[in-house]
Amino acid sequence: MKRVVTWLLIGMLAVTSLPLAAQARVDREPGGAPAFLIGCCWGLRVGLEWNEGAGLHWREWCAIVPVVNIVLAIWAGVGGAGGITAHEWAQKNGANWY
């Protein structure tokens, strides 16, 4: 079990250090099966932003992994409790995914 957790942490570190293709804006048709699945799995906001050309942040991809999603939910809650607005977050992290 310790090895699995260690490899998961190493993988997450590698993912955070590399720019992801999912974070880049791409030209795509709005709607369809991808937007449907993304809306079902991650919610309305993410599905609608997918239709506008935004990608998914690595935190959103990792949210489908059991146990990891709990940690990410707490992390998101702490970030929200800090009082930062969506516009400030987009300026800080780039508007390509948010």
PDB file of N, CA and C in Angstrom:
ATOM      1  N   MET A   1       0.812  -1.191   0.000  1.00  0.00           N
ATOM      2  CA  MET A   1       0.000   0.000   0.000  1.00  0.00           C
ATOM      3  C   MET A   1       0.859   1.260   0.000  1.00  0.00           C
ATOM      4  N   LYS A   2       1.954   1.195   0.746  1.00  0.00           N
ATOM      5  CA  LYS A   2       2.832   2.358   0.800  1.00  0.00           C
ATOM      6  C   LYS A   2       3.443   2.653  -0.571  1.00  0.00           C
ATOM      7  N   ARG A   3       3.747   1.599  -1.311  1.00  0.00           N
ATOM      8  CA  ARG A   3       4.313   1.805  -2.646  1.00  0.00           C
ATOM      9  C   ARG A   3       3.298   2.463  -3.572  1.00  0.00           C
ATOM     10  N   VAL A   4       2.058   2.041  -3.471  1.00  0.00           N
ATOM     11  CA  VAL A   4       1.014   2.614  -4.322  1.00  0.00           C
ATOM     12  C   VAL A   4       0.852   4.101  -4.027  1.00  0.00           C
ATOM     13  N   VAL A   5       0.786   4.448  -2.750  1.00  0.00           N
ATOM     14  CA  VAL A   5       0.651   5.851  -2.363  1.00  0.00           C
ATOM     15  C   VAL A   5       1.870   6.647  -2.811  1.00  0.00           C
ATOM     16  N   THR A   6       3.047   6.066  -2.648  1.00  0.00           N
ATOM     17  CA  THR A   6       4.269   6.747  -3.075  1.00  0.00           C
ATOM     18  C   THR A   6       4.256   7.005  -4.573  1.00  0.00           C
ATOM     19  N   TRP A   7       3.871   6.003  -5.367  1.00  0.00           N
ATOM     20  CA  TRP A   7       3.834   6.179  -6.822  1.00  0.00           C
ATOM     21  C   TRP A   7       2.751   7.167  -7.234  1.00  0.00           C
ATOM     22  N   LEU A   8       1.634   7.176  -6.523  1.00  0.00           N
ATOM     23  CA  LEU A   8       0.601   8.162  -6.824  1.00  0.00           C
ATOM     24  C   LEU A   8       1.099   9.584  -6.549  1.00  0.00           C
ATOM     25  N   LEU A   9       1.790   9.768  -5.440  1.00  0.00           N
ATOM     26  CA  LEU A   9       2.331  11.091  -5.118  1.00  0.00           C
ATOM     27  C   LEU A   9       3.389  11.519  -6.131  1.00  0.00           C
ATOM     28  N   ILE A  10       4.244  10.587  -6.539  1.00  0.00           N
ATOM     29  CA  ILE A  10       5.256  10.903  -7.549  1.00  0.00           C
ATOM     30  C   ILE A  10       4.577  11.262  -8.865  1.00  0.00           C
ATOM     31  N   GLY A  11       3.545  10.504  -9.232  1.00  0.00           N
ATOM     32  CA  GLY A  11       2.806  10.813 -10.457  1.00  0.00           C
ATOM     33  C   GLY A  11       2.141  12.166 -10.399  1.00  0.00           C
ATOM     34  N   MET A  12       1.547  12.507  -9.260  1.00  0.00           N
ATOM     35  CA  MET A  12       0.911  13.821  -9.119  1.00  0.00           C
ATOM     36  C   MET A  12       1.948  14.935  -9.201  1.00  0.00           C
ATOM     37  N   LEU A  13       3.119  14.716  -8.625  1.00  0.00           N
ATOM     38  CA  LEU A  13       4.180  15.712  -8.709  1.00  0.00           C
ATOM     39  C   LEU A  13       4.619  15.910 -10.149  1.00  0.00           C
ATOM     40  N   ALA A  14       4.742  14.814 -10.891  1.00  0.00           N
ATOM     41  CA  ALA A  14       5.127  14.908 -12.300  1.00  0.00           C
ATOM     42  C   ALA A  14       4.061  15.642 -13.109  1.00  0.00           C
ATOM     43  N   VAL A  15       2.796  15.376 -12.820  1.00  0.00           N
ATOM     44  CA  VAL A  15       1.710  16.041 -13.544  1.00  0.00           C
ATOM     45  C   VAL A  15       1.707  17.535 -13.265  1.00  0.00           C
ATOM     46  N   THR A  16       1.977  17.924 -12.026  1.00  0.00           N
ATOM     47  CA  THR A  16       1.955  19.348 -11.699  1.00  0.00           C
ATOM     48  C   THR A  16       3.135  20.094 -12.293  1.00  0.00           C
ATOM     49  N   SER A  17       4.208  19.409 -12.592  1.00  0.00           N
ATOM     50  CA  SER A  17       5.388  20.092 -13.106  1.00  0.00           C
ATOM     51  C   SER A  17       5.395  20.218 -14.629  1.00  0.00           C
ATOM     52  N   LEU A  18       4.474  19.555 -15.305  1.00  0.00           N
ATOM     53  CA  LEU A  18       4.437  19.591 -16.764  1.00  0.00           C
ATOM     54  C   LEU A  18       3.206  20.343 -17.254  1.00  0.00           C
ATOM     55  N   PRO A  19       3.354  21.129 -18.309  1.00  0.00           N
ATOM     56  CA  PRO A  19       2.150  21.755 -18.876  1.00  0.00           C
ATOM     57  C   PRO A  19       1.299  20.683 -19.545  1.00  0.00           C
ATOM     58  N   LEU A  20       0.033  20.707 -19.279  1.00  0.00           N
ATOM     59  CA  LEU A  20      -0.854  19.683 -19.808  1.00  0.00           C
ATOM     60  C   LEU A  20      -1.541  20.157 -21.077  1.00  0.00           C
ATOM     61  N   ALA A  21      -1.707  19.251 -21.994  1.00  0.00           N
ATOM     62  CA  ALA A  21      -2.435  19.577 -23.218  1.00  0.00           C
ATOM     63  C   ALA A  21      -3.891  19.876 -22.908  1.00  0.00           C
ATOM     64  N   ALA A  22      -4.418  19.298 -21.831  1.00  0.00           N
ATOM     65  CA  ALA A  22      -5.809  19.537 -21.464  1.00  0.00           C
ATOM     66  C   ALA A  22      -6.033  20.964 -20.993  1.00  0.00           C
ATOM     67  N   GLN A  23      -4.968  21.662 -20.605  1.00  0.00           N
ATOM     68  CA  GLN A  23      -5.116  23.023 -20.119  1.00  0.00           C
ATOM     69  C   GLN A  23      -5.129  24.033 -21.251  1.00  0.00           C
ATOM     70  N   ALA A  24      -4.718  23.638 -22.410  1.00  0.00           N
ATOM     71  CA  ALA A  24      -4.646  24.569 -23.534  1.00  0.00           C
ATOM     72  C   ALA A  24      -6.012  24.703 -24.199  1.00  0.00           C
ATOM     73  N   ARG A  25      -6.314  25.909 -24.645  1.00  0.00           N
ATOM     74  CA  ARG A  25      -7.561  26.111 -25.377  1.00  0.00           C
ATOM     75  C   ARG A  25      -7.435  25.456 -26.738  1.00  0.00           C
ATOM     76  N   VAL A  26      -8.480  24.798 -27.116  1.00  0.00           N
ATOM     77  CA  VAL A  26      -8.500  24.159 -28.421  1.00  0.00           C
ATOM     78  C   VAL A  26      -9.786  24.545 -29.125  1.00  0.00           C
ATOM     79  N   ASP A  27      -9.754  24.493 -30.450  1.00  0.00           N
ATOM     80  CA  ASP A  27     -10.948  24.765 -31.223  1.00  0.00           C
ATOM     81  C   ASP A  27     -11.749  23.481 -31.338  1.00  0.00           C
ATOM     82  N   ARG A  28     -12.963  23.526 -30.850  1.00  0.00           N
ATOM     83  CA  ARG A  28     -13.835  22.362 -30.938  1.00  0.00           C
ATOM     84  C   ARG A  28     -15.275  22.847 -31.033  1.00  0.00           C
ATOM     85  N   GLU A  29     -16.102  21.954 -31.521  1.00  0.00           N
ATOM     86  CA  GLU A  29     -17.526  22.255 -31.602  1.00  0.00           C
ATOM     87  C   GLU A  29     -18.137  22.151 -30.209  1.00  0.00           C
ATOM     88  N   PRO A  30     -18.964  23.114 -29.814  1.00  0.00           N
ATOM     89  CA  PRO A  30     -19.601  23.006 -28.503  1.00  0.00           C
ATOM     90  C   PRO A  30     -20.627  21.885 -28.479  1.00  0.00           C
ATOM     91  N   GLY A  31     -20.828  21.345 -27.304  1.00  0.00           N
ATOM     92  CA  GLY A  31     -21.822  20.294 -27.127  1.00  0.00           C
ATOM     93  C   GLY A  31     -21.279  18.928 -27.468  1.00  0.00           C
ATOM     94  N   GLY A  32     -22.187  17.988 -27.636  1.00  0.00           N
ATOM     95  CA  GLY A  32     -21.805  16.633 -28.014  1.00  0.00           C
ATOM     96  C   GLY A  32     -21.506  15.752 -26.823  1.00  0.00           C
ATOM     97  N   ALA A  33     -21.014  14.569 -27.128  1.00  0.00           N
ATOM     98  CA  ALA A  33     -20.744  13.554 -26.102  1.00  0.00           C
ATOM     99  C   ALA A  33     -19.675  13.994 -25.094  1.00  0.00           C
ATOM    100  N   PRO A  34     -18.555  14.622 -25.533  1.00  0.00           N
ATOM    101  CA  PRO A  34     -17.565  15.029 -24.531  1.00  0.00           C
ATOM    102  C   PRO A  34     -18.126  16.017 -23.513  1.00  0.00           C
ATOM    103  N   ALA A  35     -18.867  17.010 -23.980  1.00  0.00           N
ATOM    104  CA  ALA A  35     -19.448  17.986 -23.059  1.00  0.00           C
ATOM    105  C   ALA A  35     -20.471  17.320 -22.142  1.00  0.00           C
ATOM    106  N   PHE A  36     -21.221  16.346 -22.674  1.00  0.00           N
ATOM    107  CA  PHE A  36     -22.188  15.613 -21.859  1.00  0.00           C
ATOM    108  C   PHE A  36     -21.482  14.855 -20.739  1.00  0.00           C
ATOM    109  N   LEU A  37     -20.442  14.105 -21.080  1.00  0.00           N
ATOM    110  CA  LEU A  37     -19.727  13.317 -20.077  1.00  0.00           C
ATOM    111  C   LEU A  37     -19.034  14.206 -19.050  1.00  0.00           C
ATOM    112  N   ILE A  38     -18.443  15.286 -19.514  1.00  0.00           N
ATOM    113  CA  ILE A  38     -17.766  16.203 -18.597  1.00  0.00           C
ATOM    114  C   ILE A  38     -18.780  16.854 -17.668  1.00  0.00           C
ATOM    115  N   GLY A  39     -19.931  17.245 -18.202  1.00  0.00           N
ATOM    116  CA  GLY A  39     -20.978  17.817 -17.364  1.00  0.00           C
ATOM    117  C   GLY A  39     -21.492  16.828 -16.329  1.00  0.00           C
ATOM    118  N   CYS A  40     -21.618  15.560 -16.711  1.00  0.00           N
ATOM    119  CA  CYS A  40     -22.079  14.531 -15.765  1.00  0.00           C
ATOM    120  C   CYS A  40     -21.058  14.275 -14.666  1.00  0.00           C
ATOM    121  N   CYS A  41     -19.791  14.233 -15.032  1.00  0.00           N
ATOM    122  CA  CYS A  41     -18.747  13.883 -14.067  1.00  0.00           C
ATOM    123  C   CYS A  41     -18.302  15.062 -13.203  1.00  0.00           C
ATOM    124  N   TRP A  42     -18.171  16.248 -13.806  1.00  0.00           N
ATOM    125  CA  TRP A  42     -17.589  17.373 -13.084  1.00  0.00           C
ATOM    126  C   TRP A  42     -18.555  18.515 -12.821  1.00  0.00           C
ATOM    127  N   GLY A  43     -19.737  18.473 -13.387  1.00  0.00           N
ATOM    128  CA  GLY A  43     -20.722  19.493 -13.077  1.00  0.00           C
ATOM    129  C   GLY A  43     -20.985  20.452 -14.226  1.00  0.00           C
ATOM    130  N   LEU A  44     -22.006  21.264 -14.034  1.00  0.00           N
ATOM    131  CA  LEU A  44     -22.482  22.173 -15.061  1.00  0.00           C
ATOM    132  C   LEU A  44     -21.445  23.221 -15.454  1.00  0.00           C
ATOM    133  N   ARG A  45     -20.789  23.841 -14.463  1.00  0.00           N
ATOM    134  CA  ARG A  45     -19.819  24.891 -14.765  1.00  0.00           C
ATOM    135  C   ARG A  45     -18.706  24.386 -15.669  1.00  0.00           C
ATOM    136  N   VAL A  46     -18.175  23.238 -15.358  1.00  0.00           N
ATOM    137  CA  VAL A  46     -17.077  22.685 -16.145  1.00  0.00           C
ATOM    138  C   VAL A  46     -17.558  22.279 -17.537  1.00  0.00           C
ATOM    139  N   GLY A  47     -18.748  21.706 -17.623  1.00  0.00           N
ATOM    140  CA  GLY A  47     -19.304  21.334 -18.922  1.00  0.00           C
ATOM    141  C   GLY A  47     -19.538  22.539 -19.822  1.00  0.00           C
ATOM    142  N   LEU A  48     -20.048  23.626 -19.248  1.00  0.00           N
ATOM    143  CA  LEU A  48     -20.290  24.835 -20.035  1.00  0.00           C
ATOM    144  C   LEU A  48     -18.981  25.502 -20.456  1.00  0.00           C
ATOM    145  N   GLU A  49     -17.997  25.488 -19.571  1.00  0.00           N
ATOM    146  CA  GLU A  49     -16.703  26.073 -19.937  1.00  0.00           C
ATOM    147  C   GLU A  49     -15.996  25.218 -20.979  1.00  0.00           C
ATOM    148  N   TRP A  50     -16.228  23.913 -20.973  1.00  0.00           N
ATOM    149  CA  TRP A  50     -15.690  23.039 -22.016  1.00  0.00           C
ATOM    150  C   TRP A  50     -16.240  23.465 -23.374  1.00  0.00           C
ATOM    151  N   ASN A  51     -17.528  23.825 -23.407  1.00  0.00           N
ATOM    152  CA  ASN A  51     -18.154  24.282 -24.648  1.00  0.00           C
ATOM    153  C   ASN A  51     -17.554  25.595 -25.141  1.00  0.00           C
ATOM    154  N   GLU A  52     -17.021  26.397 -24.226  1.00  0.00           N
ATOM    155  CA  GLU A  52     -16.388  27.665 -24.602  1.00  0.00           C
ATOM    156  C   GLU A  52     -14.935  27.489 -25.006  1.00  0.00           C
ATOM    157  N   GLY A  53     -14.416  26.285 -24.924  1.00  0.00           N
ATOM    158  CA  GLY A  53     -13.043  26.024 -25.342  1.00  0.00           C
ATOM    159  C   GLY A  53     -12.055  25.856 -24.211  1.00  0.00           C
ATOM    160  N   ALA A  54     -12.518  25.944 -22.969  1.00  0.00           N
ATOM    161  CA  ALA A  54     -11.616  25.769 -21.838  1.00  0.00           C
ATOM    162  C   ALA A  54     -11.370  24.288 -21.602  1.00  0.00           C
ATOM    163  N   GLY A  55     -10.194  23.969 -21.142  1.00  0.00           N
ATOM    164  CA  GLY A  55      -9.872  22.584 -20.812  1.00  0.00           C
ATOM    165  C   GLY A  55     -10.117  22.313 -19.345  1.00  0.00           C
ATOM    166  N   LEU A  56      -9.733  21.140 -18.904  1.00  0.00           N
ATOM    167  CA  LEU A  56      -9.858  20.777 -17.501  1.00  0.00           C
ATOM    168  C   LEU A  56      -8.513  20.948 -16.816  1.00  0.00           C
ATOM    169  N   HIS A  57      -8.545  21.480 -15.620  1.00  0.00           N
ATOM    170  CA  HIS A  57      -7.339  21.631 -14.818  1.00  0.00           C
ATOM    171  C   HIS A  57      -6.954  20.265 -14.263  1.00  0.00           C
ATOM    172  N   TRP A  58      -5.680  20.070 -13.960  1.00  0.00           N
ATOM    173  CA  TRP A  58      -5.234  18.765 -13.466  1.00  0.00           C
ATOM    174  C   TRP A  58      -5.959  18.378 -12.189  1.00  0.00           C
ATOM    175  N   ARG A  59      -6.351  19.361 -11.378  1.00  0.00           N
ATOM    176  CA  ARG A  59      -7.097  19.043 -10.162  1.00  0.00           C
ATOM    177  C   ARG A  59      -8.452  18.427 -10.500  1.00  0.00           C
ATOM    178  N   GLU A  60      -9.050  18.897 -11.578  1.00  0.00           N
ATOM    179  CA  GLU A  60     -10.351  18.352 -11.975  1.00  0.00           C
ATOM    180  C   GLU A  60     -10.212  16.935 -12.520  1.00  0.00           C
ATOM    181  N   TRP A  61      -9.137  16.664 -13.254  1.00  0.00           N
ATOM    182  CA  TRP A  61      -8.902  15.299 -13.738  1.00  0.00           C
ATOM    183  C   TRP A  61      -8.673  14.359 -12.569  1.00  0.00           C
ATOM    184  N   CYS A  62      -7.901  14.800 -11.590  1.00  0.00           N
ATOM    185  CA  CYS A  62      -7.586  13.934 -10.453  1.00  0.00           C
ATOM    186  C   CYS A  62      -8.780  13.738  -9.521  1.00  0.00           C
ATOM    187  N   ALA A  63      -9.812  14.546  -9.664  1.00  0.00           N
ATOM    188  CA  ALA A  63     -10.980  14.444  -8.785  1.00  0.00           C
ATOM    189  C   ALA A  63     -11.782  13.171  -9.016  1.00  0.00           C
ATOM    190  N   ILE A  64     -11.525  12.449 -10.103  1.00  0.00           N
ATOM    191  CA  ILE A  64     -12.259  11.204 -10.327  1.00  0.00           C
ATOM    192  C   ILE A  64     -11.581  10.013  -9.654  1.00  0.00           C
ATOM    193  N   VAL A  65     -10.416  10.219  -9.045  1.00  0.00           N
ATOM    194  CA  VAL A  65      -9.700   9.141  -8.360  1.00  0.00           C
ATOM    195  C   VAL A  65     -10.199   9.067  -6.911  1.00  0.00           C
ATOM    196  N   PRO A  66     -10.665   7.909  -6.462  1.00  0.00           N
ATOM    197  CA  PRO A  66     -11.125   7.786  -5.074  1.00  0.00           C
ATOM    198  C   PRO A  66     -10.028   8.161  -4.088  1.00  0.00           C
ATOM    199  N   VAL A  67     -10.390   8.702  -2.982  1.00  0.00           N
ATOM    200  CA  VAL A  67      -9.545   9.174  -1.891  1.00  0.00           C
ATOM    201  C   VAL A  67      -8.821  10.460  -2.278  1.00  0.00           C
ATOM    202  N   VAL A  68      -8.244  10.500  -3.469  1.00  0.00           N
ATOM    203  CA  VAL A  68      -7.580  11.730  -3.925  1.00  0.00           C
ATOM    204  C   VAL A  68      -8.605  12.843  -4.037  1.00  0.00           C
ATOM    205  N   ASN A  69      -9.839  12.513  -4.451  1.00  0.00           N
ATOM    206  CA  ASN A  69     -10.868  13.526  -4.611  1.00  0.00           C
ATOM    207  C   ASN A  69     -11.223  14.189  -3.287  1.00  0.00           C
ATOM    208  N   ILE A  70     -11.115  13.463  -2.190  1.00  0.00           N
ATOM    209  CA  ILE A  70     -11.389  14.057  -0.880  1.00  0.00           C
ATOM    210  C   ILE A  70     -10.338  15.101  -0.547  1.00  0.00           C
ATOM    211  N   VAL A  71      -9.079  14.765  -0.789  1.00  0.00           N
ATOM    212  CA  VAL A  71      -7.990  15.706  -0.531  1.00  0.00           C
ATOM    213  C   VAL A  71      -8.146  16.950  -1.402  1.00  0.00           C
ATOM    214  N   LEU A  72      -8.483  16.748  -2.673  1.00  0.00           N
ATOM    215  CA  LEU A  72      -8.649  17.880  -3.579  1.00  0.00           C
ATOM    216  C   LEU A  72      -9.859  18.724  -3.210  1.00  0.00           C
ATOM    217  N   ALA A  73     -10.916  18.107  -2.710  1.00  0.00           N
ATOM    218  CA  ALA A  73     -12.086  18.867  -2.279  1.00  0.00           C
ATOM    219  C   ALA A  73     -11.747  19.755  -1.081  1.00  0.00           C
ATOM    220  N   ILE A  74     -10.987  19.223  -0.144  1.00  0.00           N
ATOM    221  CA  ILE A  74     -10.556  20.023   1.000  1.00  0.00           C
ATOM    222  C   ILE A  74      -9.639  21.148   0.542  1.00  0.00           C
ATOM    223  N   TRP A  75      -8.728  20.840  -0.393  1.00  0.00           N
ATOM    224  CA  TRP A  75      -7.816  21.834  -0.942  1.00  0.00           C
ATOM    225  C   TRP A  75      -8.595  22.951  -1.635  1.00  0.00           C
ATOM    226  N   ALA A  76      -9.624  22.593  -2.396  1.00  0.00           N
ATOM    227  CA  ALA A  76     -10.452  23.593  -3.061  1.00  0.00           C
ATOM    228  C   ALA A  76     -11.218  24.428  -2.047  1.00  0.00           C
ATOM    229  N   GLY A  77     -11.692  23.790  -0.978  1.00  0.00           N
ATOM    230  CA  GLY A  77     -12.393  24.523   0.069  1.00  0.00           C
ATOM    231  C   GLY A  77     -11.505  25.532   0.763  1.00  0.00           C
ATOM    232  N   VAL A  78     -10.268  25.145   1.027  1.00  0.00           N
ATOM    233  CA  VAL A  78      -9.312  26.074   1.643  1.00  0.00           C
ATOM    234  C   VAL A  78      -9.033  27.238   0.702  1.00  0.00           C
ATOM    235  N   GLY A  79      -8.910  26.932  -0.594  1.00  0.00           N
ATOM    236  CA  GLY A  79      -8.696  28.003  -1.569  1.00  0.00           C
ATOM    237  C   GLY A  79      -9.873  28.953  -1.643  1.00  0.00           C
ATOM    238  N   GLY A  80     -11.090  28.417  -1.577  1.00  0.00           N
ATOM    239  CA  GLY A  80     -12.277  29.257  -1.602  1.00  0.00           C
ATOM    240  C   GLY A  80     -12.432  30.084  -0.333  1.00  0.00           C
ATOM    241  N   ALA A  81     -12.005  29.532   0.786  1.00  0.00           N
ATOM    242  CA  ALA A  81     -12.108  30.255   2.053  1.00  0.00           C
ATOM    243  C   ALA A  81     -11.150  31.437   2.109  1.00  0.00           C
ATOM    244  N   GLY A  82     -10.161  31.444   1.224  1.00  0.00           N
ATOM    245  CA  GLY A  82      -9.198  32.538   1.203  1.00  0.00           C
ATOM    246  C   GLY A  82      -9.770  33.830   0.655  1.00  0.00           C
ATOM    247  N   GLY A  83     -10.954  33.773   0.045  1.00  0.00           N
ATOM    248  CA  GLY A  83     -11.607  34.982  -0.445  1.00  0.00           C
ATOM    249  C   GLY A  83     -11.216  35.397  -1.851  1.00  0.00           C
ATOM    250  N   ILE A  84     -10.482  34.559  -2.570  1.00  0.00           N
ATOM    251  CA  ILE A  84     -10.077  34.916  -3.928  1.00  0.00           C
ATOM    252  C   ILE A  84     -11.282  34.765  -4.863  1.00  0.00           C
ATOM    253  N   THR A  85     -11.405  35.670  -5.820  1.00  0.00           N
ATOM    254  CA  THR A  85     -12.509  35.605  -6.771  1.00  0.00           C
ATOM    255  C   THR A  85     -12.093  34.830  -8.011  1.00  0.00           C
ATOM    256  N   ALA A  86     -13.080  34.470  -8.828  1.00  0.00           N
ATOM    257  CA  ALA A  86     -12.797  33.720 -10.050  1.00  0.00           C
ATOM    258  C   ALA A  86     -11.930  34.542 -11.007  1.00  0.00           C
ATOM    259  N   HIS A  87     -12.166  35.841 -11.069  1.00  0.00           N
ATOM    260  CA  HIS A  87     -11.372  36.682 -11.965  1.00  0.00           C
ATOM    261  C   HIS A  87      -9.920  36.776 -11.500  1.00  0.00           C
ATOM    262  N   GLU A  88      -9.700  36.863 -10.200  1.00  0.00           N
ATOM    263  CA  GLU A  88      -8.335  36.881  -9.672  1.00  0.00           C
ATOM    264  C   GLU A  88      -7.642  35.545  -9.937  1.00  0.00           C
ATOM    265  N   TRP A  89      -8.378  34.453  -9.782  1.00  0.00           N
ATOM    266  CA  TRP A  89      -7.822  33.125 -10.036  1.00  0.00           C
ATOM    267  C   TRP A  89      -7.424  32.985 -11.497  1.00  0.00           C
ATOM    268  N   ALA A  90      -8.269  33.469 -12.401  1.00  0.00           N
ATOM    269  CA  ALA A  90      -7.973  33.384 -13.835  1.00  0.00           C
ATOM    270  C   ALA A  90      -6.760  34.234 -14.188  1.00  0.00           C
ATOM    271  N   GLN A  91      -6.625  35.415 -13.594  1.00  0.00           N
ATOM    272  CA  GLN A  91      -5.455  36.251 -13.850  1.00  0.00           C
ATOM    273  C   GLN A  91      -4.179  35.598 -13.332  1.00  0.00           C
ATOM    274  N   LYS A  92      -4.275  34.954 -12.191  1.00  0.00           N
ATOM    275  CA  LYS A  92      -3.108  34.324 -11.582  1.00  0.00           C
ATOM    276  C   LYS A  92      -2.685  33.062 -12.329  1.00  0.00           C
ATOM    277  N   ASN A  93      -3.648  32.234 -12.726  1.00  0.00           N
ATOM    278  CA  ASN A  93      -3.356  30.926 -13.295  1.00  0.00           C
ATOM    279  C   ASN A  93      -3.572  30.827 -14.790  1.00  0.00           C
ATOM    280  N   GLY A  94      -4.022  31.886 -15.393  1.00  0.00           N
ATOM    281  CA  GLY A  94      -4.277  31.857 -16.824  1.00  0.00           C
ATOM    282  C   GLY A  94      -5.722  31.515 -17.115  1.00  0.00           C
ATOM    283  N   ALA A  95      -6.275  32.166 -18.075  1.00  0.00           N
ATOM    284  CA  ALA A  95      -7.680  31.986 -18.397  1.00  0.00           C
ATOM    285  C   ALA A  95      -7.889  30.839 -19.386  1.00  0.00           C
ATOM    286  N   ASN A  96      -6.864  30.058 -19.663  1.00  0.00           N
ATOM    287  CA  ASN A  96      -7.009  29.005 -20.659  1.00  0.00           C
ATOM    288  C   ASN A  96      -7.833  27.823 -20.178  1.00  0.00           C
ATOM    289  N   TRP A  97      -8.012  27.675 -18.873  1.00  0.00           N
ATOM    290  CA  TRP A  97      -8.826  26.574 -18.383  1.00  0.00           C
ATOM    291  C   TRP A  97      -9.938  27.039 -17.485  1.00  0.00           C
ATOM    292  N   TYR A  98      -9.929  28.310 -17.084  1.00  0.00           N
ATOM    293  CA  TYR A  98     -10.986  28.794 -16.200  1.00  0.00           C
ATOM    294  C   TYR A  98     -11.698  29.950 -16.808  1.00  0.00           C
TER     295      TYR A  98
END
